[in-house]
Amino acid sequence: MPLYEYHCPSCESEFELLVRSDDTPACPSCESPKIERLLSAPAAHTSGASLPMAQSMPGGGCGKPQCGQGFCGMGG
C-alpha cells in the first residue's frame, strides 16, 4: 500500500495515509471526504550512507517536525 500525503480544505489539516487502490480516504480530523492529495518527493536511497537517518540526526530523532526537536525516540 502506498503512503500518500493529503490536505483537508475543510479543517486545514495535513496528514499521511496508507491507501489501497479501491479505498476512498477521508480526513481523520473532520471526516470530510473532500481531501486533496499533495505532491511529495520520493524517498532517496543512497548507497553512500553508513548510518540510518535516525542515528545521523542531531539528538538521535527522525528529524520530522511533528516529533519536536528530533527527539521521537527513533534514534539509536
N, C-alpha and C. Protein backbone atom coordinates (compact mmCIF):
# COMPACT_ATOMS: atom_id res chain seq x y z
N MET A 1 0.85 -1.18 0.00
CA MET A 1 0.00 0.00 0.00
C MET A 1 0.89 1.24 0.00
N PRO A 2 0.61 2.18 -0.90
CA PRO A 2 1.39 3.41 -0.92
C PRO A 2 0.98 4.38 0.18
N LEU A 3 1.93 5.17 0.62
CA LEU A 3 1.71 6.20 1.62
C LEU A 3 1.58 7.53 0.89
N TYR A 4 0.46 8.21 1.08
CA TYR A 4 0.20 9.50 0.42
C TYR A 4 0.03 10.59 1.46
N GLU A 5 0.40 11.81 1.06
CA GLU A 5 0.18 12.99 1.89
C GLU A 5 -1.07 13.70 1.39
N TYR A 6 -1.88 14.18 2.33
CA TYR A 6 -3.14 14.84 1.98
C TYR A 6 -3.29 16.16 2.72
N HIS A 7 -4.14 17.03 2.15
CA HIS A 7 -4.54 18.29 2.79
C HIS A 7 -6.06 18.33 2.79
N CYS A 8 -6.64 18.73 3.93
CA CYS A 8 -8.09 18.85 4.02
C CYS A 8 -8.45 20.33 4.01
N PRO A 9 -9.13 20.82 2.97
CA PRO A 9 -9.53 22.22 2.92
C PRO A 9 -10.59 22.58 3.97
N SER A 10 -11.35 21.61 4.44
CA SER A 10 -12.40 21.87 5.42
C SER A 10 -11.83 22.27 6.77
N CYS A 11 -10.82 21.54 7.26
CA CYS A 11 -10.26 21.84 8.59
C CYS A 11 -8.79 22.27 8.53
N GLU A 12 -8.24 22.38 7.31
CA GLU A 12 -6.86 22.82 7.08
C GLU A 12 -5.80 21.90 7.67
N SER A 13 -6.11 20.62 7.90
CA SER A 13 -5.10 19.71 8.42
C SER A 13 -4.35 19.03 7.28
N GLU A 14 -3.12 18.62 7.56
CA GLU A 14 -2.32 17.84 6.63
C GLU A 14 -1.96 16.54 7.31
N PHE A 15 -2.00 15.45 6.56
CA PHE A 15 -1.80 14.13 7.15
C PHE A 15 -1.33 13.15 6.09
N GLU A 16 -0.85 12.00 6.54
CA GLU A 16 -0.43 10.92 5.67
C GLU A 16 -1.33 9.72 5.89
N LEU A 17 -1.64 9.01 4.80
CA LEU A 17 -2.47 7.81 4.90
C LEU A 17 -1.91 6.72 4.01
N LEU A 18 -2.00 5.48 4.47
CA LEU A 18 -1.75 4.32 3.63
C LEU A 18 -3.06 4.02 2.92
N VAL A 19 -3.05 4.02 1.60
CA VAL A 19 -4.29 3.91 0.85
C VAL A 19 -4.22 2.77 -0.16
N ARG A 20 -5.20 1.89 -0.10
CA ARG A 20 -5.35 0.85 -1.11
C ARG A 20 -6.01 1.47 -2.33
N SER A 21 -5.82 0.85 -3.48
CA SER A 21 -6.33 1.42 -4.72
C SER A 21 -7.85 1.54 -4.76
N ASP A 22 -8.56 0.68 -4.05
CA ASP A 22 -10.02 0.72 -4.07
C ASP A 22 -10.63 1.52 -2.92
N ASP A 23 -9.78 2.08 -2.01
CA ASP A 23 -10.27 2.86 -0.88
C ASP A 23 -10.48 4.33 -1.25
N THR A 24 -11.49 4.95 -0.66
CA THR A 24 -11.71 6.38 -0.77
C THR A 24 -11.44 6.98 0.59
N PRO A 25 -10.27 7.64 0.76
CA PRO A 25 -9.91 8.15 2.08
C PRO A 25 -10.72 9.37 2.49
N ALA A 26 -10.77 9.61 3.79
CA ALA A 26 -11.43 10.78 4.37
C ALA A 26 -10.47 11.38 5.40
N CYS A 27 -10.69 12.63 5.73
CA CYS A 27 -9.86 13.33 6.71
C CYS A 27 -10.03 12.67 8.08
N PRO A 28 -8.92 12.32 8.75
CA PRO A 28 -9.04 11.72 10.08
C PRO A 28 -9.49 12.70 11.15
N SER A 29 -9.35 14.02 10.90
CA SER A 29 -9.76 15.02 11.89
C SER A 29 -11.24 15.35 11.82
N CYS A 30 -11.73 15.67 10.61
CA CYS A 30 -13.12 16.10 10.48
C CYS A 30 -13.98 15.13 9.67
N GLU A 31 -13.36 14.07 9.15
CA GLU A 31 -14.04 13.03 8.36
C GLU A 31 -14.60 13.51 7.02
N SER A 32 -14.11 14.65 6.54
CA SER A 32 -14.54 15.15 5.24
C SER A 32 -13.97 14.27 4.13
N PRO A 33 -14.80 13.89 3.15
CA PRO A 33 -14.29 13.10 2.03
C PRO A 33 -13.62 13.97 0.96
N LYS A 34 -13.72 15.29 1.11
CA LYS A 34 -13.15 16.21 0.12
C LYS A 34 -11.73 16.60 0.52
N ILE A 35 -10.78 15.69 0.26
CA ILE A 35 -9.39 15.95 0.59
C ILE A 35 -8.57 16.01 -0.69
N GLU A 36 -7.42 16.66 -0.61
CA GLU A 36 -6.56 16.84 -1.77
C GLU A 36 -5.26 16.10 -1.54
N ARG A 37 -4.86 15.29 -2.51
CA ARG A 37 -3.58 14.59 -2.39
C ARG A 37 -2.47 15.56 -2.76
N LEU A 38 -1.44 15.63 -1.94
CA LEU A 38 -0.33 16.53 -2.16
C LEU A 38 0.77 15.83 -2.93
N LEU A 39 1.54 16.60 -3.66
CA LEU A 39 2.73 16.06 -4.32
C LEU A 39 3.83 15.97 -3.28
N SER A 40 4.50 14.86 -3.23
CA SER A 40 5.59 14.71 -2.28
C SER A 40 6.79 14.11 -2.99
N ALA A 41 7.95 14.45 -2.50
CA ALA A 41 9.19 13.93 -3.08
C ALA A 41 9.37 12.48 -2.64
N PRO A 42 9.79 11.62 -3.56
CA PRO A 42 10.03 10.23 -3.16
C PRO A 42 11.27 10.15 -2.27
N ALA A 43 11.31 9.14 -1.45
CA ALA A 43 12.47 8.93 -0.57
C ALA A 43 13.67 8.54 -1.42
N ALA A 44 14.80 9.15 -1.13
CA ALA A 44 16.02 8.85 -1.88
C ALA A 44 16.83 7.81 -1.12
N HIS A 45 17.24 6.78 -1.81
CA HIS A 45 18.08 5.75 -1.22
C HIS A 45 19.48 5.90 -1.79
N THR A 46 20.44 6.11 -0.93
CA THR A 46 21.82 6.26 -1.40
C THR A 46 22.67 5.15 -0.83
N SER A 47 23.63 4.72 -1.60
CA SER A 47 24.50 3.64 -1.15
C SER A 47 25.64 4.16 -0.29
N GLY A 48 25.88 5.49 -0.30
CA GLY A 48 26.99 6.06 0.45
C GLY A 48 26.69 6.29 1.92
N ALA A 49 25.47 6.22 2.34
CA ALA A 49 25.12 6.49 3.73
C ALA A 49 25.46 5.27 4.58
N SER A 50 26.22 5.50 5.66
CA SER A 50 26.60 4.38 6.51
C SER A 50 25.71 4.26 7.74
N LEU A 51 25.00 5.35 8.11
CA LEU A 51 24.12 5.32 9.28
C LEU A 51 22.69 5.54 8.85
N PRO A 52 21.73 4.89 9.49
CA PRO A 52 20.33 5.22 9.22
C PRO A 52 20.06 6.67 9.59
N MET A 53 19.07 7.27 8.97
CA MET A 53 18.76 8.68 9.19
C MET A 53 18.55 9.00 10.66
N ALA A 54 17.85 8.16 11.39
CA ALA A 54 17.55 8.44 12.79
C ALA A 54 18.82 8.54 13.63
N GLN A 55 19.83 7.77 13.29
CA GLN A 55 21.07 7.82 14.05
C GLN A 55 21.93 9.01 13.64
N SER A 56 21.77 9.52 12.42
CA SER A 56 22.60 10.62 11.96
C SER A 56 22.02 11.99 12.32
N MET A 57 20.78 12.06 12.80
CA MET A 57 20.16 13.34 13.16
C MET A 57 20.67 13.80 14.51
N PRO A 58 20.86 15.12 14.68
CA PRO A 58 21.25 15.63 16.00
C PRO A 58 20.18 15.28 17.03
N GLY A 59 20.58 14.76 18.16
CA GLY A 59 19.62 14.37 19.19
C GLY A 59 19.11 12.96 19.01
N GLY A 60 19.41 12.33 17.87
CA GLY A 60 19.04 10.95 17.66
C GLY A 60 17.62 10.71 17.20
N GLY A 61 16.85 11.74 16.88
CA GLY A 61 15.48 11.55 16.43
C GLY A 61 15.39 11.37 14.93
N CYS A 62 14.18 11.33 14.42
CA CYS A 62 13.99 11.13 12.99
C CYS A 62 14.05 12.43 12.23
N GLY A 63 13.92 13.57 12.90
CA GLY A 63 14.02 14.87 12.24
C GLY A 63 12.70 15.43 11.75
N LYS A 64 11.61 14.71 11.89
CA LYS A 64 10.32 15.22 11.46
C LYS A 64 9.85 16.31 12.42
N PRO A 65 9.26 17.39 11.89
CA PRO A 65 8.80 18.47 12.76
C PRO A 65 7.79 18.03 13.80
N GLN A 66 6.92 17.08 13.48
CA GLN A 66 5.90 16.66 14.42
C GLN A 66 6.49 15.89 15.60
N CYS A 67 7.74 15.48 15.51
CA CYS A 67 8.40 14.77 16.61
C CYS A 67 8.98 15.74 17.62
N GLY A 68 9.08 17.00 17.29
CA GLY A 68 9.55 18.02 18.22
C GLY A 68 11.03 17.90 18.51
N GLN A 69 11.82 18.79 17.97
CA GLN A 69 13.26 18.85 18.19
C GLN A 69 13.99 17.56 17.82
N GLY A 70 13.35 16.66 17.09
CA GLY A 70 14.01 15.45 16.67
C GLY A 70 14.14 14.38 17.73
N PHE A 71 13.40 14.48 18.83
CA PHE A 71 13.51 13.51 19.91
C PHE A 71 12.27 12.61 19.95
N CYS A 72 12.06 11.84 18.91
CA CYS A 72 10.88 10.99 18.87
C CYS A 72 11.17 9.59 19.40
N GLY A 73 12.42 9.32 19.71
CA GLY A 73 12.77 8.00 20.21
C GLY A 73 13.16 7.01 19.14
N MET A 74 13.22 7.46 17.87
CA MET A 74 13.59 6.55 16.80
C MET A 74 15.10 6.38 16.71
N GLY A 75 15.84 7.22 17.38
CA GLY A 75 17.30 7.17 17.30
C GLY A 75 17.87 6.01 18.08
N GLY A 76 19.15 5.75 17.85
CA GLY A 76 19.79 4.59 18.45
C GLY A 76 20.65 4.90 19.57
